């Protein structure tokens, strides 16, 4: 900075104002400083800035899986809001492993991120209490934190699933399967609850053989769907608990000898181009990311907020697969 000040013929404070975008510098002076910065290859020392201001202008994001299409728009939204606040985003995947989630979150805290956005893999987040008391603002997304009070932004999984299954029932279906992810996951439990509620609202009894929870691996899902679609009283419709399950069920139904209705939770790319198009209960992952990050920066700005549960609505998109009538 001394070299820049000397070359531009200004004081150190003026260079500091230009580098940090502060007011009080004339356009001509700013031009001279910028030319000196360019000529000398000056780069701001962010480590020194952290020591001086106590803020790193970085936020951390712990996702389940960056390869999952659901998290792409969410990640982008978080990044855009952070960028608008002059902050850098650092992210990583937990792979649905609670130990890896904890490791990632604490590693980000050790690097002194100002705040964290976490999509929980585990159900006990007391490990973050010391970090939150030390000033690391934290917001959870898609699933609530376990055993601590914290902000959470999520979709209405219960209501969305209930609406999707009610749509199948309104189309005449009575034997409806539910195929979902691991039962310990909050969203899975809520979507299963919505399925049961819709069936109960219609006075329908649920056979436990119509429900299958577990890994979203294609082999596991295909085997579950195959078992439900055969036998003396096969299901006439399937409600798929997330986009990965839906894609596998689409493949299974393509090879099936009779039409079976399908509604999936989560939209996915090309769902509208299949024949028939896939009826889905759509979330808005970008909105989840924006709302969560806005909440995080409110806290970073010093807002005195009580931990809140912010629930965003879903919407049913009929495209054809969920409107097929029951056969058999």
Protein backbone atom coordinates (compact mmCIF):
# COMPACT_ATOMS: atom_id res chain seq x y z
CA UNK A 1 0.00 0.00 0.00
CA UNK A 2 2.91 2.34 0.66
CA UNK A 3 4.22 1.69 -2.85
CA UNK A 4 0.78 2.37 -4.35
CA UNK A 5 0.42 5.57 -2.30
CA UNK A 6 3.87 6.75 -3.37
CA UNK A 7 3.26 6.07 -7.07
CA UNK A 8 -0.20 7.70 -7.01
CA UNK A 9 0.98 10.65 -4.91
CA UNK A 10 -1.62 10.11 -2.17
CA UNK A 11 -1.74 9.02 1.46
CA UNK A 12 -2.21 5.50 2.79
CA UNK A 13 -5.75 6.31 3.96
CA UNK A 14 -6.74 7.27 0.43
CA UNK A 15 -5.43 3.96 -0.92
CA UNK A 16 -7.38 2.14 1.80
CA UNK A 17 -10.57 3.95 0.85
CA UNK A 18 -10.19 3.05 -2.81
CA UNK A 19 -9.35 -0.60 -2.10
CA UNK A 20 -12.29 -1.01 0.27
CA UNK A 21 -14.78 0.95 -1.85
CA UNK A 22 -15.27 3.66 0.77
CA UNK A 23 -16.50 7.19 -0.08
CA UNK A 24 -14.50 10.40 0.16
CA UNK A 25 -12.20 10.04 -2.88
CA UNK A 26 -12.50 12.17 -6.02
CA UNK A 27 -12.82 10.37 -9.38
CA UNK A 28 -9.44 11.71 -10.53
CA UNK A 29 -7.68 10.51 -7.35
CA UNK A 30 -9.39 7.13 -7.58
CA UNK A 31 -8.20 6.83 -11.20
CA UNK A 32 -4.57 7.50 -10.19
CA UNK A 33 -4.76 4.96 -7.35
CA UNK A 34 -6.31 2.31 -9.62
CA UNK A 35 -3.60 2.89 -12.23
CA UNK A 36 -0.91 2.47 -9.56
CA UNK A 37 -2.60 -0.70 -8.28
CA UNK A 38 -2.65 -2.12 -11.81
CA UNK A 39 0.95 -1.14 -12.53
CA UNK A 40 2.28 -2.61 -9.27
CA UNK A 41 0.08 -5.75 -9.22
CA UNK A 42 -1.22 -4.87 -5.74
CA UNK A 43 -3.61 -7.37 -4.06
CA UNK A 44 -5.44 -6.70 -0.82
CA UNK A 45 -4.20 -8.79 2.12
CA UNK A 46 -7.43 -10.44 3.29
CA UNK A 47 -5.71 -12.11 6.24
CA UNK A 48 -4.75 -8.72 7.62
CA UNK A 49 -8.26 -7.46 6.91
CA UNK A 50 -9.72 -10.33 8.96
CA UNK A 51 -7.49 -9.47 11.92
CA UNK A 52 -8.56 -5.84 11.71
CA UNK A 53 -12.31 -6.27 11.13
CA UNK A 54 -12.95 -9.70 12.69
CA UNK A 55 -14.90 -10.79 9.59
CA UNK A 56 -13.78 -13.01 6.72
CA UNK A 57 -16.53 -12.18 4.19
CA UNK A 58 -17.00 -15.92 3.62
CA UNK A 59 -19.92 -18.24 4.27
CA UNK A 60 -19.97 -22.03 4.27
CA UNK A 61 -22.56 -24.33 2.71
CA UNK A 62 -22.82 -28.01 3.67
CA UNK A 63 -24.91 -29.90 1.11
CA UNK A 64 -26.00 -33.52 0.91
CA UNK A 65 -24.65 -34.16 -2.60
CA UNK A 66 -23.47 -31.59 -5.15
CA UNK A 67 -24.21 -34.11 -7.91
CA UNK A 68 -27.93 -34.17 -7.05
CA UNK A 69 -29.82 -31.89 -9.51
CA UNK A 70 -31.97 -30.58 -6.65
CA UNK A 71 -28.98 -28.87 -5.05
CA UNK A 72 -27.68 -27.10 -8.16
CA UNK A 73 -30.25 -24.25 -8.10
CA UNK A 74 -30.05 -24.07 -4.31
CA UNK A 75 -26.26 -23.74 -4.37
CA UNK A 76 -26.42 -21.09 -7.09
CA UNK A 77 -28.99 -19.04 -5.17
CA UNK A 78 -26.88 -19.12 -2.01
CA UNK A 79 -23.84 -18.04 -4.02
CA UNK A 80 -25.69 -15.15 -5.70
CA UNK A 81 -27.02 -13.74 -2.42
CA UNK A 82 -23.60 -14.11 -0.78
CA UNK A 83 -21.97 -12.37 -3.75
CA UNK A 84 -24.46 -9.49 -3.49
CA UNK A 85 -23.25 -9.05 0.10
CA UNK A 86 -19.60 -9.13 -0.99
CA UNK A 87 -19.02 -12.59 0.47
CA UNK A 88 -17.36 -15.69 -0.94
CA UNK A 89 -19.10 -19.10 -0.73
CA UNK A 90 -17.24 -22.27 0.26
CA UNK A 91 -19.18 -25.53 0.00
CA UNK A 92 -18.86 -29.27 0.40
CA UNK A 93 -20.95 -32.47 0.35
CA UNK A 94 -21.78 -34.58 3.38
CA UNK A 95 -22.85 -37.61 1.28
CA UNK A 96 -25.72 -38.05 3.78
CA UNK A 97 -23.13 -39.04 6.42
CA UNK A 98 -23.60 -37.34 9.83
CA UNK A 99 -19.91 -37.71 10.71
CA UNK A 100 -18.85 -36.13 7.43
CA UNK A 101 -21.36 -33.31 7.92
CA UNK A 102 -19.88 -32.57 11.35
CA UNK A 103 -16.33 -32.73 9.98
CA UNK A 104 -17.15 -30.33 7.13
CA UNK A 105 -19.07 -27.86 9.28
CA UNK A 106 -16.33 -27.68 11.92
CA UNK A 107 -13.62 -27.41 9.25
CA UNK A 108 -15.44 -24.39 7.81
CA UNK A 109 -15.73 -22.88 11.30
CA UNK A 110 -12.01 -23.45 11.84
CA UNK A 111 -11.42 -21.38 8.71
CA UNK A 112 -13.43 -18.63 10.38
CA UNK A 113 -16.39 -18.41 8.02
CA UNK A 114 -18.82 -15.71 9.16
CA UNK A 115 -21.84 -17.97 8.78
CA UNK A 116 -23.00 -21.47 7.88
CA UNK A 117 -25.87 -22.88 5.85
CA UNK A 118 -26.35 -26.57 6.56
CA UNK A 119 -28.52 -29.25 4.98
CA UNK A 120 -28.45 -31.73 7.85
CA UNK A 121 -27.37 -35.32 7.44
CA UNK A 122 -27.52 -36.06 11.17
CA UNK A 123 -30.05 -35.45 13.92
CA UNK A 124 -27.81 -34.01 16.66
CA UNK A 125 -26.28 -30.58 16.04
CA UNK A 126 -25.19 -29.74 19.55
CA UNK A 127 -21.62 -29.81 18.23
CA UNK A 128 -22.35 -26.42 16.62
CA UNK A 129 -23.52 -24.72 19.80
CA UNK A 130 -20.01 -23.46 20.79
CA UNK A 131 -19.49 -22.09 17.26
CA UNK A 132 -22.86 -20.34 17.27
CA UNK A 133 -22.17 -18.83 20.69
CA UNK A 134 -18.82 -17.61 19.30
CA UNK A 135 -20.69 -15.71 16.58
CA UNK A 136 -20.98 -18.10 13.62
CA UNK A 137 -24.52 -17.45 12.40
CA UNK A 138 -26.13 -20.70 11.22
CA UNK A 139 -29.23 -21.46 9.17
CA UNK A 140 -30.47 -24.95 8.31
CA UNK A 141 -32.17 -25.78 5.01
CA UNK A 142 -34.53 -28.55 3.85
CA UNK A 143 -34.45 -30.26 7.25
CA UNK A 144 -34.48 -28.86 10.80
CA UNK A 145 -31.50 -28.99 13.13
CA UNK A 146 -31.42 -31.75 15.71
CA UNK A 147 -31.44 -30.98 19.45
CA UNK A 148 -30.68 -27.26 19.11
CA UNK A 149 -32.74 -24.15 18.43
CA UNK A 150 -31.85 -22.65 15.05
CA UNK A 151 -33.38 -21.10 11.95
CA UNK A 152 -34.64 -23.57 9.34
CA UNK A 153 -36.02 -22.97 5.85
CA UNK A 154 -37.81 -25.92 4.29
CA UNK A 155 -40.51 -26.97 1.85
CA UNK A 156 -43.94 -28.22 2.89
CA UNK A 157 -43.10 -31.90 2.43
CA UNK A 158 -46.16 -33.09 4.34
CA UNK A 159 -48.63 -30.90 2.44
CA UNK A 160 -47.00 -31.56 -0.92
CA UNK A 161 -47.11 -35.33 -0.50
CA UNK A 162 -50.69 -35.21 0.74
CA UNK A 163 -51.70 -33.17 -2.33
CA UNK A 164 -49.88 -35.53 -4.71
CA UNK A 165 -51.47 -38.66 -3.28
CA UNK A 166 -54.91 -36.98 -3.08
CA UNK A 167 -54.52 -36.23 -6.80
CA UNK A 168 -54.04 -39.94 -7.52
CA UNK A 169 -57.01 -40.83 -5.32
CA UNK A 170 -59.19 -38.28 -7.15
CA UNK A 171 -58.24 -40.09 -10.38
CA UNK A 172 -59.75 -43.32 -9.06
CA UNK A 173 -56.68 -45.03 -7.57
CA UNK A 174 -57.02 -47.00 -4.35
CA UNK A 175 -53.88 -49.14 -4.33
CA UNK A 176 -51.08 -46.55 -4.24
CA UNK A 177 -47.43 -47.30 -3.48
CA UNK A 178 -45.01 -45.02 -1.64
CA UNK A 179 -41.31 -45.51 -2.45
CA UNK A 180 -38.92 -43.25 -0.54
CA UNK A 181 -35.44 -42.62 0.81
CA UNK A 182 -34.01 -43.54 4.22
CA UNK A 183 -36.68 -43.33 6.97
CA UNK A 184 -34.42 -41.36 9.35
CA UNK A 185 -34.43 -38.34 6.98
CA UNK A 186 -36.86 -35.62 8.06
CA UNK A 187 -38.27 -34.98 4.58
CA UNK A 188 -38.88 -38.70 4.03
CA UNK A 189 -40.82 -38.99 7.28
CA UNK A 190 -42.89 -35.91 6.42
CA UNK A 191 -43.72 -37.16 2.90
CA UNK A 192 -44.69 -40.57 4.25
CA UNK A 193 -46.90 -38.82 6.81
CA UNK A 194 -48.53 -36.85 3.98
CA UNK A 195 -49.13 -40.07 2.02
CA UNK A 196 -50.78 -41.73 5.02
CA UNK A 197 -52.87 -38.61 5.72
CA UNK A 198 -54.23 -38.50 2.15
CA UNK A 199 -55.11 -42.18 2.27
CA UNK A 200 -56.80 -41.76 5.66
CA UNK A 201 -58.71 -38.69 4.46
CA UNK A 202 -60.16 -40.86 1.68
CA UNK A 203 -60.98 -43.71 4.06
CA UNK A 204 -58.46 -46.01 2.42
CA UNK A 205 -56.50 -48.69 4.26
CA UNK A 206 -52.75 -48.80 3.56
CA UNK A 207 -51.15 -52.19 3.10
CA UNK A 208 -47.62 -52.05 4.52
CA UNK A 209 -46.42 -53.93 1.43
CA UNK A 210 -47.19 -50.75 -0.54
CA UNK A 211 -44.52 -48.81 1.37
CA UNK A 212 -40.79 -49.17 0.74
CA UNK A 213 -38.11 -46.99 2.32
CA UNK A 214 -34.35 -47.29 1.96
CA UNK A 215 -31.47 -46.44 -0.33
CA UNK A 216 -32.22 -44.54 -3.53
CA UNK A 217 -29.85 -46.86 -5.41
CA UNK A 218 -31.56 -47.86 -8.68
CA UNK A 219 -31.35 -51.57 -7.92
CA UNK A 220 -33.11 -51.23 -4.58
CA UNK A 221 -35.84 -48.95 -5.95
CA UNK A 222 -36.40 -51.10 -9.05
CA UNK A 223 -36.75 -54.23 -6.92
CA UNK A 224 -39.27 -52.53 -4.62
CA UNK A 225 -41.31 -51.19 -7.53
CA UNK A 226 -41.24 -54.57 -9.30
CA UNK A 227 -42.59 -56.34 -6.22
CA UNK A 228 -45.46 -53.85 -5.82
CA UNK A 229 -46.45 -54.01 -9.50
CA UNK A 230 -46.90 -57.79 -9.49
CA UNK A 231 -48.92 -60.30 -7.48
CA UNK A 232 -52.64 -60.78 -6.94
CA UNK A 233 -53.40 -57.13 -6.10
CA UNK A 234 -50.72 -54.97 -7.66
CA UNK A 235 -50.69 -51.24 -7.08
CA UNK A 236 -52.17 -49.08 -9.82
CA UNK A 237 -50.21 -45.95 -8.93
CA UNK A 238 -46.86 -44.96 -7.39
CA UNK A 239 -45.94 -41.90 -5.36
CA UNK A 240 -42.14 -41.47 -5.54
CA UNK A 241 -40.53 -39.71 -2.58
CA UNK A 242 -37.81 -37.77 -4.45
CA UNK A 243 -36.37 -37.14 -7.91
CA UNK A 244 -33.87 -40.02 -7.81
CA UNK A 245 -36.60 -42.49 -6.92
CA UNK A 246 -38.86 -41.05 -9.63
CA UNK A 247 -36.26 -41.51 -12.38
CA UNK A 248 -35.81 -45.19 -11.51
CA UNK A 249 -39.56 -45.76 -11.33
CA UNK A 250 -39.95 -44.17 -14.79
CA UNK A 251 -37.49 -46.75 -16.15
CA UNK A 252 -39.32 -49.60 -14.46
CA UNK A 253 -42.71 -48.46 -15.76
CA UNK A 254 -41.36 -48.09 -19.29
CA UNK A 255 -40.81 -51.86 -19.34
CA UNK A 256 -44.08 -52.71 -17.58
CA UNK A 257 -46.93 -54.38 -19.48
CA UNK A 258 -49.74 -52.12 -18.22
CA UNK A 259 -50.04 -48.38 -17.57
CA UNK A 260 -49.39 -47.31 -13.97
CA UNK A 261 -49.91 -43.76 -12.71
CA UNK A 262 -46.94 -41.92 -11.23
CA UNK A 263 -46.51 -38.75 -9.20
CA UNK A 264 -43.02 -37.78 -8.03
CA UNK A 265 -41.88 -35.39 -5.33
CA UNK A 266 -39.32 -32.95 -6.85
CA UNK A 267 -39.25 -31.87 -10.45
CA UNK A 268 -36.39 -33.01 -12.67
CA UNK A 269 -34.91 -32.15 -16.04
CA UNK A 270 -36.82 -33.46 -19.10
CA UNK A 271 -39.77 -34.63 -16.97
CA UNK A 272 -42.07 -32.65 -19.26
CA UNK A 273 -40.65 -34.23 -22.43
CA UNK A 274 -41.29 -37.86 -21.52
CA UNK A 275 -44.44 -39.55 -22.85
CA UNK A 276 -46.47 -39.22 -20.79
CA UNK A 277 -44.91 -36.27 -19.02
CA UNK A 278 -44.20 -36.92 -15.36
CA UNK A 279 -46.60 -35.32 -12.89
CA UNK A 280 -44.63 -33.89 -9.96
CA UNK A 281 -44.94 -32.07 -6.68
CA UNK A 282 -42.41 -29.32 -7.31
CA UNK A 283 -40.29 -27.57 -4.72
CA UNK A 284 -38.40 -24.34 -5.40
CA UNK A 285 -34.79 -25.11 -4.39
CA UNK A 286 -33.59 -21.68 -5.53
CA UNK A 287 -36.13 -20.02 -3.22
CA UNK A 288 -34.95 -22.23 -0.35
CA UNK A 289 -31.39 -21.04 -0.95
CA UNK A 290 -32.33 -17.37 -1.28
CA UNK A 291 -34.54 -17.25 1.80
CA UNK A 292 -31.97 -19.10 3.93
CA UNK A 293 -29.10 -16.87 2.83
CA UNK A 294 -31.14 -13.70 3.31
CA UNK A 295 -31.88 -14.90 6.84
CA UNK A 296 -28.19 -15.60 7.42
CA UNK A 297 -27.15 -12.10 6.35
CA UNK A 298 -29.85 -10.54 8.52
CA UNK A 299 -28.20 -12.26 11.46
CA UNK A 300 -24.73 -11.23 10.31
CA UNK A 301 -25.97 -7.63 10.17
CA UNK A 302 -26.87 -7.87 13.86
CA UNK A 303 -30.64 -8.40 13.65
CA UNK A 304 -32.08 -9.73 16.92
CA UNK A 305 -34.11 -12.65 15.57
CA UNK A 306 -35.80 -15.52 17.35
CA UNK A 307 -35.01 -18.87 15.68
CA UNK A 308 -37.74 -19.44 13.11
CA UNK A 309 -39.16 -22.27 11.02
CA UNK A 310 -39.86 -20.86 7.54
CA UNK A 311 -41.88 -23.24 5.38
CA UNK A 312 -42.24 -22.65 1.63
CA UNK A 313 -45.17 -24.06 -0.38
CA UNK A 314 -44.94 -26.73 -3.07
CA UNK A 315 -47.05 -26.96 -6.23
CA UNK A 316 -48.55 -29.88 -8.12
CA UNK A 317 -47.68 -29.92 -11.85
CA UNK A 318 -49.96 -32.34 -13.80
CA UNK A 319 -48.23 -33.59 -16.96
CA UNK A 320 -49.94 -36.88 -17.76
CA UNK A 321 -48.38 -39.67 -15.71
CA UNK A 322 -50.38 -38.80 -12.60
CA UNK A 323 -53.60 -38.61 -14.59
CA UNK A 324 -53.57 -42.17 -15.96
CA UNK A 325 -56.68 -44.09 -14.79
CA UNK A 326 -56.36 -47.28 -12.74
CA UNK A 327 -56.00 -50.52 -14.69
CA UNK A 328 -56.49 -53.88 -13.00
